[in-house]
Amino acid sequence: MIRAVLYIFISLLLITFVRMVMGMILRTMKEMMSPAAAPHPGVRDQPPNTPISGELKRDPVCGTFVPVNTSFRKTINGESFCFCSADCRDKYAR
């Protein structure tokens, strides 16, 4: 009886070890095959070059506040409107 429990315990340890090794191998292969992988784990990408501060305008279609420098613009009768997306810009009818 004790021998059977011991065999089961050893089998579980062996299966766990094999799964761990296979997981590490597959993870390494995935990182090597991925073209967008970071050169070192834990290295973060650089932040985008868009400035964080700036004037915000309200989108007249959906009400979202968008930065002026990254917004989609439309000029109607000399008045400039800022939109969050091209879809909102195209939906706007005045």
PDB file of N, CA and C in Angstrom:
ATOM      1  N   MET A   1       0.820  -1.199   0.000  1.00  0.00           N
ATOM      2  CA  MET A   1       0.000   0.000   0.000  1.00  0.00           C
ATOM      3  C   MET A   1       0.857   1.253   0.000  1.00  0.00           C
ATOM      4  N   ILE A   2       1.850   1.269   0.873  1.00  0.00           N
ATOM      5  CA  ILE A   2       2.735   2.427   0.961  1.00  0.00           C
ATOM      6  C   ILE A   2       3.530   2.571  -0.328  1.00  0.00           C
ATOM      7  N   ARG A   3       3.911   1.435  -0.907  1.00  0.00           N
ATOM      8  CA  ARG A   3       4.670   1.463  -2.145  1.00  0.00           C
ATOM      9  C   ARG A   3       3.843   2.100  -3.275  1.00  0.00           C
ATOM     10  N   ALA A   4       2.561   1.799  -3.348  1.00  0.00           N
ATOM     11  CA  ALA A   4       1.688   2.356  -4.385  1.00  0.00           C
ATOM     12  C   ALA A   4       1.542   3.865  -4.210  1.00  0.00           C
ATOM     13  N   VAL A   5       1.375   4.330  -2.992  1.00  0.00           N
ATOM     14  CA  VAL A   5       1.275   5.766  -2.718  1.00  0.00           C
ATOM     15  C   VAL A   5       2.587   6.452  -3.076  1.00  0.00           C
ATOM     16  N   LEU A   6       3.715   5.804  -2.776  1.00  0.00           N
ATOM     17  CA  LEU A   6       5.017   6.361  -3.103  1.00  0.00           C
ATOM     18  C   LEU A   6       5.193   6.475  -4.626  1.00  0.00           C
ATOM     19  N   TYR A   7       4.790   5.447  -5.368  1.00  0.00           N
ATOM     20  CA  TYR A   7       4.866   5.494  -6.828  1.00  0.00           C
ATOM     21  C   TYR A   7       3.989   6.616  -7.404  1.00  0.00           C
ATOM     22  N   ILE A   8       2.806   6.781  -6.865  1.00  0.00           N
ATOM     23  CA  ILE A   8       1.916   7.847  -7.326  1.00  0.00           C
ATOM     24  C   ILE A   8       2.537   9.215  -7.044  1.00  0.00           C
ATOM     25  N   PHE A   9       3.103   9.374  -5.857  1.00  0.00           N
ATOM     26  CA  PHE A   9       3.732  10.636  -5.484  1.00  0.00           C
ATOM     27  C   PHE A   9       4.920  10.943  -6.396  1.00  0.00           C
ATOM     28  N   ILE A  10       5.771   9.967  -6.649  1.00  0.00           N
ATOM     29  CA  ILE A  10       6.932  10.161  -7.525  1.00  0.00           C
ATOM     30  C   ILE A  10       6.467  10.471  -8.950  1.00  0.00           C
ATOM     31  N   SER A  11       5.419   9.782  -9.399  1.00  0.00           N
ATOM     32  CA  SER A  11       4.886  10.043 -10.741  1.00  0.00           C
ATOM     33  C   SER A  11       4.380  11.469 -10.858  1.00  0.00           C
ATOM     34  N   LEU A  12       3.674  11.958  -9.845  1.00  0.00           N
ATOM     35  CA  LEU A  12       3.182  13.337  -9.861  1.00  0.00           C
ATOM     36  C   LEU A  12       4.331  14.337  -9.881  1.00  0.00           C
ATOM     37  N   LEU A  13       5.376  14.090  -9.104  1.00  0.00           N
ATOM     38  CA  LEU A  13       6.536  14.975  -9.105  1.00  0.00           C
ATOM     39  C   LEU A  13       7.221  14.969 -10.479  1.00  0.00           C
ATOM     40  N   LEU A  14       7.349  13.795 -11.075  1.00  0.00           N
ATOM     41  CA  LEU A  14       7.982  13.687 -12.382  1.00  0.00           C
ATOM     42  C   LEU A  14       7.165  14.402 -13.455  1.00  0.00           C
ATOM     43  N   ILE A  15       5.845  14.229 -13.431  1.00  0.00           N
ATOM     44  CA  ILE A  15       4.975  14.910 -14.394  1.00  0.00           C
ATOM     45  C   ILE A  15       5.064  16.419 -14.224  1.00  0.00           C
ATOM     46  N   THR A  16       5.066  16.899 -12.990  1.00  0.00           N
ATOM     47  CA  THR A  16       5.171  18.332 -12.717  1.00  0.00           C
ATOM     48  C   THR A  16       6.490  18.888 -13.232  1.00  0.00           C
ATOM     49  N   PHE A  17       7.575  18.161 -13.015  1.00  0.00           N
ATOM     50  CA  PHE A  17       8.888  18.603 -13.481  1.00  0.00           C
ATOM     51  C   PHE A  17       8.948  18.652 -15.008  1.00  0.00           C
ATOM     52  N   VAL A  18       8.418  17.639 -15.688  1.00  0.00           N
ATOM     53  CA  VAL A  18       8.425  17.601 -17.144  1.00  0.00           C
ATOM     54  C   VAL A  18       7.586  18.740 -17.705  1.00  0.00           C
ATOM     55  N   ARG A  19       6.425  19.023 -17.107  1.00  0.00           N
ATOM     56  CA  ARG A  19       5.581  20.127 -17.570  1.00  0.00           C
ATOM     57  C   ARG A  19       6.294  21.467 -17.409  1.00  0.00           C
ATOM     58  N   MET A  20       7.022  21.626 -16.297  1.00  0.00           N
ATOM     59  CA  MET A  20       7.730  22.868 -16.048  1.00  0.00           C
ATOM     60  C   MET A  20       8.839  23.065 -17.098  1.00  0.00           C
ATOM     61  N   VAL A  21       9.589  22.020 -17.375  1.00  0.00           N
ATOM     62  CA  VAL A  21      10.666  22.108 -18.358  1.00  0.00           C
ATOM     63  C   VAL A  21      10.097  22.380 -19.749  1.00  0.00           C
ATOM     64  N   MET A  22       9.042  21.686 -20.124  1.00  0.00           N
ATOM     65  CA  MET A  22       8.426  21.901 -21.441  1.00  0.00           C
ATOM     66  C   MET A  22       7.871  23.323 -21.559  1.00  0.00           C
ATOM     67  N   GLY A  23       7.284  23.844 -20.497  1.00  0.00           N
ATOM     68  CA  GLY A  23       6.773  25.217 -20.503  1.00  0.00           C
ATOM     69  C   GLY A  23       7.882  26.224 -20.725  1.00  0.00           C
ATOM     70  N   MET A  24       9.026  26.015 -20.059  1.00  0.00           N
ATOM     71  CA  MET A  24      10.149  26.933 -20.246  1.00  0.00           C
ATOM     72  C   MET A  24      10.683  26.854 -21.672  1.00  0.00           C
ATOM     73  N   ILE A  25      10.770  25.661 -22.224  1.00  0.00           N
ATOM     74  CA  ILE A  25      11.263  25.501 -23.598  1.00  0.00           C
ATOM     75  C   ILE A  25      10.318  26.180 -24.580  1.00  0.00           C
ATOM     76  N   LEU A  26       9.022  25.940 -24.431  1.00  0.00           N
ATOM     77  CA  LEU A  26       8.052  26.532 -25.350  1.00  0.00           C
ATOM     78  C   LEU A  26       8.005  28.054 -25.219  1.00  0.00           C
ATOM     79  N   ARG A  27       8.114  28.576 -24.009  1.00  0.00           N
ATOM     80  CA  ARG A  27       8.113  30.024 -23.795  1.00  0.00           C
ATOM     81  C   ARG A  27       9.340  30.659 -24.448  1.00  0.00           C
ATOM     82  N   THR A  28      10.488  30.007 -24.327  1.00  0.00           N
ATOM     83  CA  THR A  28      11.707  30.513 -24.946  1.00  0.00           C
ATOM     84  C   THR A  28      11.587  30.514 -26.465  1.00  0.00           C
ATOM     85  N   MET A  29      11.025  29.448 -27.018  1.00  0.00           N
ATOM     86  CA  MET A  29      10.848  29.376 -28.467  1.00  0.00           C
ATOM     87  C   MET A  29       9.873  30.449 -28.951  1.00  0.00           C
ATOM     88  N   LYS A  30       8.831  30.690 -28.178  1.00  0.00           N
ATOM     89  CA  LYS A  30       7.852  31.715 -28.554  1.00  0.00           C
ATOM     90  C   LYS A  30       8.502  33.096 -28.568  1.00  0.00           C
ATOM     91  N   GLU A  31       9.324  33.388 -27.565  1.00  0.00           N
ATOM     92  CA  GLU A  31      10.002  34.683 -27.511  1.00  0.00           C
ATOM     93  C   GLU A  31      10.991  34.840 -28.659  1.00  0.00           C
ATOM     94  N   MET A  32      11.639  33.754 -29.046  1.00  0.00           N
ATOM     95  CA  MET A  32      12.599  33.820 -30.145  1.00  0.00           C
ATOM     96  C   MET A  32      11.896  34.009 -31.485  1.00  0.00           C
ATOM     97  N   MET A  33      10.708  33.433 -31.651  1.00  0.00           N
ATOM     98  CA  MET A  33       9.981  33.520 -32.909  1.00  0.00           C
ATOM     99  C   MET A  33       9.181  34.807 -33.049  1.00  0.00           C
ATOM    100  N   SER A  34       8.878  35.461 -31.950  1.00  0.00           N
ATOM    101  CA  SER A  34       8.059  36.662 -31.976  1.00  0.00           C
ATOM    102  C   SER A  34       8.882  37.841 -32.487  1.00  0.00           C
ATOM    103  N   PRO A  35       8.427  38.499 -33.588  1.00  0.00           N
ATOM    104  CA  PRO A  35       9.204  39.616 -34.126  1.00  0.00           C
ATOM    105  C   PRO A  35       9.124  40.866 -33.265  1.00  0.00           C
ATOM    106  N   ALA A  36       8.049  41.033 -32.514  1.00  0.00           N
ATOM    107  CA  ALA A  36       7.870  42.246 -31.717  1.00  0.00           C
ATOM    108  C   ALA A  36       8.340  42.057 -30.284  1.00  0.00           C
ATOM    109  N   ALA A  37       9.115  41.044 -30.021  1.00  0.00           N
ATOM    110  CA  ALA A  37       9.555  40.775 -28.662  1.00  0.00           C
ATOM    111  C   ALA A  37      10.562  41.834 -28.217  1.00  0.00           C
ATOM    112  N   ALA A  38      10.490  42.197 -26.940  1.00  0.00           N
ATOM    113  CA  ALA A  38      11.441  43.143 -26.372  1.00  0.00           C
ATOM    114  C   ALA A  38      12.802  42.456 -26.283  1.00  0.00           C
ATOM    115  N   PRO A  39      13.901  43.210 -26.406  1.00  0.00           N
ATOM    116  CA  PRO A  39      15.210  42.583 -26.370  1.00  0.00           C
ATOM    117  C   PRO A  39      15.511  41.920 -25.034  1.00  0.00           C
ATOM    118  N   HIS A  40      14.980  42.442 -23.956  1.00  0.00           N
ATOM    119  CA  HIS A  40      15.205  41.876 -22.641  1.00  0.00           C
ATOM    120  C   HIS A  40      13.886  41.842 -21.889  1.00  0.00           C
ATOM    121  N   PRO A  41      13.621  40.788 -21.143  1.00  0.00           N
ATOM    122  CA  PRO A  41      12.371  40.776 -20.375  1.00  0.00           C
ATOM    123  C   PRO A  41      12.379  41.879 -19.322  1.00  0.00           C
ATOM    124  N   GLY A  42      11.267  42.519 -19.168  1.00  0.00           N
ATOM    125  CA  GLY A  42      11.137  43.588 -18.188  1.00  0.00           C
ATOM    126  C   GLY A  42      11.447  44.962 -18.746  1.00  0.00           C
ATOM    127  N   VAL A  43      11.986  45.049 -19.962  1.00  0.00           N
ATOM    128  CA  VAL A  43      12.272  46.338 -20.581  1.00  0.00           C
ATOM    129  C   VAL A  43      10.984  46.858 -21.199  1.00  0.00           C
ATOM    130  N   ARG A  44      10.596  48.048 -20.839  1.00  0.00           N
ATOM    131  CA  ARG A  44       9.345  48.612 -21.334  1.00  0.00           C
ATOM    132  C   ARG A  44       9.591  49.436 -22.576  1.00  0.00           C
ATOM    133  N   ASP A  45       8.562  49.524 -23.404  1.00  0.00           N
ATOM    134  CA  ASP A  45       8.651  50.331 -24.606  1.00  0.00           C
ATOM    135  C   ASP A  45       8.696  51.807 -24.236  1.00  0.00           C
ATOM    136  N   GLN A  46       9.193  52.597 -25.146  1.00  0.00           N
ATOM    137  CA  GLN A  46       9.236  54.039 -24.944  1.00  0.00           C
ATOM    138  C   GLN A  46       7.829  54.614 -25.053  1.00  0.00           C
ATOM    139  N   PRO A  47       7.507  55.642 -24.292  1.00  0.00           N
ATOM    140  CA  PRO A  47       6.181  56.260 -24.396  1.00  0.00           C
ATOM    141  C   PRO A  47       6.012  56.935 -25.749  1.00  0.00           C
ATOM    142  N   PRO A  48       4.771  57.096 -26.189  1.00  0.00           N
ATOM    143  CA  PRO A  48       4.560  57.764 -27.472  1.00  0.00           C
ATOM    144  C   PRO A  48       5.022  59.217 -27.421  1.00  0.00           C
ATOM    145  N   ASN A  49       5.290  59.780 -28.566  1.00  0.00           N
ATOM    146  CA  ASN A  49       5.810  61.145 -28.643  1.00  0.00           C
ATOM    147  C   ASN A  49       4.737  62.216 -28.549  1.00  0.00           C
ATOM    148  N   THR A  50       3.478  61.837 -28.363  1.00  0.00           N
ATOM    149  CA  THR A  50       2.430  62.830 -28.235  1.00  0.00           C
ATOM    150  C   THR A  50       2.515  63.481 -26.857  1.00  0.00           C
ATOM    151  N   PRO A  51       2.406  64.783 -26.789  1.00  0.00           N
ATOM    152  CA  PRO A  51       2.474  65.452 -25.498  1.00  0.00           C
ATOM    153  C   PRO A  51       1.249  65.114 -24.647  1.00  0.00           C
ATOM    154  N   ILE A  52       1.469  65.041 -23.346  1.00  0.00           N
ATOM    155  CA  ILE A  52       0.382  64.703 -22.424  1.00  0.00           C
ATOM    156  C   ILE A  52      -0.500  65.917 -22.171  1.00  0.00           C
ATOM    157  N   SER A  53       0.086  67.069 -22.107  1.00  0.00           N
ATOM    158  CA  SER A  53      -0.701  68.268 -21.821  1.00  0.00           C
ATOM    159  C   SER A  53      -1.155  68.921 -23.112  1.00  0.00           C
ATOM    160  N   GLY A  54      -2.076  69.819 -22.977  1.00  0.00           N
ATOM    161  CA  GLY A  54      -2.560  70.548 -24.140  1.00  0.00           C
ATOM    162  C   GLY A  54      -4.038  70.868 -23.982  1.00  0.00           C
ATOM    163  N   GLU A  55      -4.549  71.620 -24.920  1.00  0.00           N
ATOM    164  CA  GLU A  55      -5.943  72.040 -24.874  1.00  0.00           C
ATOM    165  C   GLU A  55      -6.853  70.880 -25.269  1.00  0.00           C
ATOM    166  N   LEU A  56      -7.955  70.714 -24.558  1.00  0.00           N
ATOM    167  CA  LEU A  56      -8.945  69.692 -24.872  1.00  0.00           C
ATOM    168  C   LEU A  56     -10.192  70.345 -25.445  1.00  0.00           C
ATOM    169  N   LYS A  57     -10.743  69.712 -26.435  1.00  0.00           N
ATOM    170  CA  LYS A  57     -12.008  70.159 -27.029  1.00  0.00           C
ATOM    171  C   LYS A  57     -12.999  69.013 -26.931  1.00  0.00           C
ATOM    172  N   ARG A  58     -14.272  69.370 -26.833  1.00  0.00           N
ATOM    173  CA  ARG A  58     -15.321  68.357 -26.723  1.00  0.00           C
ATOM    174  C   ARG A  58     -15.841  67.985 -28.111  1.00  0.00           C
ATOM    175  N   ASP A  59     -15.894  66.688 -28.367  1.00  0.00           N
ATOM    176  CA  ASP A  59     -16.425  66.182 -29.632  1.00  0.00           C
ATOM    177  C   ASP A  59     -17.924  66.457 -29.654  1.00  0.00           C
ATOM    178  N   PRO A  60     -18.440  67.178 -30.649  1.00  0.00           N
ATOM    179  CA  PRO A  60     -19.865  67.513 -30.674  1.00  0.00           C
ATOM    180  C   PRO A  60     -20.781  66.322 -30.952  1.00  0.00           C
ATOM    181  N   VAL A  61     -20.243  65.201 -31.419  1.00  0.00           N
ATOM    182  CA  VAL A  61     -21.072  64.039 -31.725  1.00  0.00           C
ATOM    183  C   VAL A  61     -21.230  63.140 -30.498  1.00  0.00           C
ATOM    184  N   CYS A  62     -20.121  62.702 -29.926  1.00  0.00           N
ATOM    185  CA  CYS A  62     -20.205  61.739 -28.814  1.00  0.00           C
ATOM    186  C   CYS A  62     -19.896  62.345 -27.456  1.00  0.00           C
ATOM    187  N   GLY A  63     -19.356  63.566 -27.412  1.00  0.00           N
ATOM    188  CA  GLY A  63     -19.100  64.231 -26.142  1.00  0.00           C
ATOM    189  C   GLY A  63     -17.754  63.917 -25.527  1.00  0.00           C
ATOM    190  N   THR A  64     -16.931  63.170 -26.203  1.00  0.00           N
ATOM    191  CA  THR A  64     -15.615  62.827 -25.682  1.00  0.00           C
ATOM    192  C   THR A  64     -14.694  64.041 -25.771  1.00  0.00           C
ATOM    193  N   PHE A  65     -13.871  64.238 -24.740  1.00  0.00           N
ATOM    194  CA  PHE A  65     -12.885  65.305 -24.772  1.00  0.00           C
ATOM    195  C   PHE A  65     -11.620  64.771 -25.430  1.00  0.00           C
ATOM    196  N   VAL A  66     -11.138  65.489 -26.448  1.00  0.00           N
ATOM    197  CA  VAL A  66      -9.961  65.053 -27.196  1.00  0.00           C
ATOM    198  C   VAL A  66      -8.933  66.172 -27.234  1.00  0.00           C
ATOM    199  N   PRO A  67      -7.634  65.809 -27.225  1.00  0.00           N
ATOM    200  CA  PRO A  67      -6.598  66.832 -27.367  1.00  0.00           C
ATOM    201  C   PRO A  67      -6.655  67.448 -28.759  1.00  0.00           C
ATOM    202  N   VAL A  68      -6.455  68.730 -28.839  1.00  0.00           N
ATOM    203  CA  VAL A  68      -6.544  69.443 -30.108  1.00  0.00           C
ATOM    204  C   VAL A  68      -5.488  68.938 -31.091  1.00  0.00           C
ATOM    205  N   ASN A  69      -4.282  68.650 -30.599  1.00  0.00           N
ATOM    206  CA  ASN A  69      -3.193  68.285 -31.501  1.00  0.00           C
ATOM    207  C   ASN A  69      -3.350  66.887 -32.101  1.00  0.00           C
ATOM    208  N   THR A  70      -4.185  66.016 -31.537  1.00  0.00           N
ATOM    209  CA  THR A  70      -4.366  64.669 -32.092  1.00  0.00           C
ATOM    210  C   THR A  70      -5.783  64.433 -32.597  1.00  0.00           C
ATOM    211  N   SER A  71      -6.595  65.475 -32.658  1.00  0.00           N
ATOM    212  CA  SER A  71      -7.997  65.295 -33.032  1.00  0.00           C
ATOM    213  C   SER A  71      -8.179  65.307 -34.546  1.00  0.00           C
ATOM    214  N   PHE A  72      -9.316  64.800 -34.973  1.00  0.00           N
ATOM    215  CA  PHE A  72      -9.737  64.890 -36.373  1.00  0.00           C
ATOM    216  C   PHE A  72     -10.520  66.188 -36.500  1.00  0.00           C
ATOM    217  N   ARG A  73     -10.130  67.042 -37.444  1.00  0.00           N
ATOM    218  CA  ARG A  73     -10.744  68.364 -37.536  1.00  0.00           C
ATOM    219  C   ARG A  73     -11.611  68.488 -38.778  1.00  0.00           C
ATOM    220  N   LYS A  74     -12.616  69.353 -38.633  1.00  0.00           N
ATOM    221  CA  LYS A  74     -13.492  69.687 -39.757  1.00  0.00           C
ATOM    222  C   LYS A  74     -13.861  71.155 -39.603  1.00  0.00           C
ATOM    223  N   THR A  75     -13.719  71.915 -40.671  1.00  0.00           N
ATOM    224  CA  THR A  75     -14.055  73.332 -40.643  1.00  0.00           C
ATOM    225  C   THR A  75     -15.338  73.546 -41.424  1.00  0.00           C
ATOM    226  N   ILE A  76     -16.318  74.162 -40.746  1.00  0.00           N
ATOM    227  CA  ILE A  76     -17.612  74.454 -41.365  1.00  0.00           C
ATOM    228  C   ILE A  76     -17.897  75.938 -41.151  1.00  0.00           C
ATOM    229  N   ASN A  77     -18.110  76.673 -42.254  1.00  0.00           N
ATOM    230  CA  ASN A  77     -18.389  78.108 -42.210  1.00  0.00           C
ATOM    231  C   ASN A  77     -17.342  78.872 -41.406  1.00  0.00           C
ATOM    232  N   GLY A  78     -16.087  78.494 -41.532  1.00  0.00           N
ATOM    233  CA  GLY A  78     -15.010  79.186 -40.843  1.00  0.00           C
ATOM    234  C   GLY A  78     -14.821  78.769 -39.406  1.00  0.00           C
ATOM    235  N   GLU A  79     -15.673  77.893 -38.883  1.00  0.00           N
ATOM    236  CA  GLU A  79     -15.554  77.429 -37.501  1.00  0.00           C
ATOM    237  C   GLU A  79     -14.958  76.025 -37.507  1.00  0.00           C
ATOM    238  N   SER A  80     -13.915  75.806 -36.707  1.00  0.00           N
ATOM    239  CA  SER A  80     -13.212  74.527 -36.662  1.00  0.00           C
ATOM    240  C   SER A  80     -13.768  73.660 -35.532  1.00  0.00           C
ATOM    241  N   PHE A  81     -14.054  72.407 -35.838  1.00  0.00           N
ATOM    242  CA  PHE A  81     -14.560  71.442 -34.853  1.00  0.00           C
ATOM    243  C   PHE A  81     -13.553  70.308 -34.709  1.00  0.00           C
ATOM    244  N   CYS A  82     -13.405  69.803 -33.490  1.00  0.00           N
ATOM    245  CA  CYS A  82     -12.484  68.707 -33.209  1.00  0.00           C
ATOM    246  C   CYS A  82     -13.283  67.455 -32.893  1.00  0.00           C
ATOM    247  N   PHE A  83     -12.866  66.318 -33.459  1.00  0.00           N
ATOM    248  CA  PHE A  83     -13.569  65.048 -33.282  1.00  0.00           C
ATOM    249  C   PHE A  83     -12.596  63.984 -32.794  1.00  0.00           C
ATOM    250  N   CYS A  84     -13.135  62.987 -32.087  1.00  0.00           N
ATOM    251  CA  CYS A  84     -12.300  61.919 -31.551  1.00  0.00           C
ATOM    252  C   CYS A  84     -11.924  60.899 -32.613  1.00  0.00           C
ATOM    253  N   SER A  85     -12.736  60.755 -33.648  1.00  0.00           N
ATOM    254  CA  SER A  85     -12.453  59.770 -34.698  1.00  0.00           C
ATOM    255  C   SER A  85     -12.985  60.265 -36.032  1.00  0.00           C
ATOM    256  N   ALA A  86     -12.546  59.575 -37.083  1.00  0.00           N
ATOM    257  CA  ALA A  86     -13.027  59.924 -38.419  1.00  0.00           C
ATOM    258  C   ALA A  86     -14.514  59.609 -38.551  1.00  0.00           C
ATOM    259  N   ASP A  87     -14.986  58.582 -37.837  1.00  0.00           N
ATOM    260  CA  ASP A  87     -16.411  58.241 -37.879  1.00  0.00           C
ATOM    261  C   ASP A  87     -17.258  59.377 -37.308  1.00  0.00           C
ATOM    262  N   CYS A  88     -16.855  59.922 -36.160  1.00  0.00           N
ATOM    263  CA  CYS A  88     -17.604  61.037 -35.567  1.00  0.00           C
ATOM    264  C   CYS A  88     -17.549  62.256 -36.484  1.00  0.00           C
ATOM    265  N   ARG A  89     -16.389  62.497 -37.101  1.00  0.00           N
ATOM    266  CA  ARG A  89     -16.267  63.626 -38.012  1.00  0.00           C
ATOM    267  C   ARG A  89     -17.222  63.479 -39.198  1.00  0.00           C
ATOM    268  N   ASP A  90     -17.318  62.257 -39.730  1.00  0.00           N
ATOM    269  CA  ASP A  90     -18.196  62.028 -40.880  1.00  0.00           C
ATOM    270  C   ASP A  90     -19.666  62.050 -40.497  1.00  0.00           C
ATOM    271  N   LYS A  91     -19.985  61.686 -39.241  1.00  0.00           N
ATOM    272  CA  LYS A  91     -21.400  61.690 -38.793  1.00  0.00           C
ATOM    273  C   LYS A  91     -21.907  63.106 -38.530  1.00  0.00           C
ATOM    274  N   TYR A  92     -20.983  64.019 -38.225  1.00  0.00           N
ATOM    275  CA  TYR A  92     -21.396  65.363 -37.821  1.00  0.00           C
ATOM    276  C   TYR A  92     -22.047  66.097 -38.997  1.00  0.00           C
ATOM    277  N   ALA A  93     -23.246  66.553 -38.766  1.00  0.00           N
ATOM    278  CA  ALA A  93     -23.958  67.351 -39.757  1.00  0.00           C
ATOM    279  C   ALA A  93     -24.501  68.582 -39.051  1.00  0.00           C
ATOM    280  N   ARG A  94     -24.222  69.726 -39.592  1.00  0.00           N
ATOM    281  CA  ARG A  94     -24.650  70.944 -38.915  1.00  0.00           C
ATOM    282  C   ARG A  94     -25.651  71.682 -39.732  1.00  0.00           C
TER     283      ARG A  94
END
